[in-house]
Protein backbone atom coordinates (compact mmCIF):
# COMPACT_ATOMS: atom_id res chain seq x y z
CA MET A 1 68.39 156.74 77.72
CA THR A 2 70.33 153.50 78.71
CA TRP A 3 72.01 151.82 76.77
CA ALA A 4 69.99 148.11 76.20
CA SER A 5 66.88 151.15 74.97
CA THR A 6 69.04 152.78 72.62
CA LEU A 7 70.11 149.32 70.74
CA LEU A 8 66.61 148.28 70.87
CA PHE A 9 66.08 150.83 69.75
CA ALA A 10 67.76 151.35 66.90
CA GLY A 11 67.72 147.60 65.78
CA GLY A 12 64.51 147.54 65.66
CA LEU A 13 65.00 150.67 62.85
CA PHE A 14 67.44 148.62 61.25
CA LEU A 15 65.06 145.87 60.74
CA GLY A 16 61.99 148.44 60.01
CA GLY A 17 64.71 149.13 57.55
CA GLY A 18 65.14 145.60 55.95
CA THR A 19 60.74 145.09 56.12
CA PHE A 20 61.28 147.97 53.89
CA SER A 21 63.50 146.52 51.34
CA PHE A 22 62.09 143.14 51.51
CA ILE A 23 58.45 144.99 50.27
CA GLN A 24 60.08 146.95 47.41
CA GLN A 25 61.95 143.52 46.06
CA LYS A 26 58.98 141.35 46.31
CA MET A 27 60.00 139.05 49.15
CA PRO A 28 57.25 135.97 50.38
CA ARG A 29 54.84 138.20 52.81
CA GLY A 30 55.54 135.45 55.75
CA VAL A 31 59.22 136.18 56.04
CA THR A 32 58.32 140.04 55.17
CA LEU A 33 55.43 139.86 58.75
CA LEU A 34 57.84 138.14 60.28
CA LEU A 35 60.65 141.15 59.76
CA ALA A 36 57.91 143.69 60.74
CA LEU A 37 56.88 141.99 63.75
CA GLY A 38 60.33 141.99 64.75
CA ALA A 39 61.46 145.40 64.01
CA LEU A 40 58.16 146.23 65.96
CA MET A 41 59.01 144.46 69.12
CA CYS A 42 62.53 145.67 69.53
CA VAL A 43 61.15 149.44 68.71
CA LEU A 44 58.74 148.50 71.59
CA ALA A 45 61.26 147.42 74.03
CA GLY A 46 62.64 150.00 73.46
CA VAL A 47 60.74 152.83 74.02
CA ALA A 48 59.02 150.44 77.10
CA LEU A 49 62.84 150.54 78.93
CA LEU A 50 63.40 154.48 78.69
CA GLU A 51 63.33 156.33 81.91
CA VAL A 52 60.90 158.59 81.26
CA TRP A 53 58.08 156.09 82.74
CA GLU A 54 59.84 155.63 85.70
């Protein structure tokens, strides 16, 4: 596991928690969706950088 994959995965989980918080606070749907997409992209990029695939 590289540092880049660790940071991207952790950042994605952090943004995912923010998404959950935004949903609980009933924030605008567009902002919540944008945050959720960012979280998903971070997690997927972190998984793609794992050395398991090589």
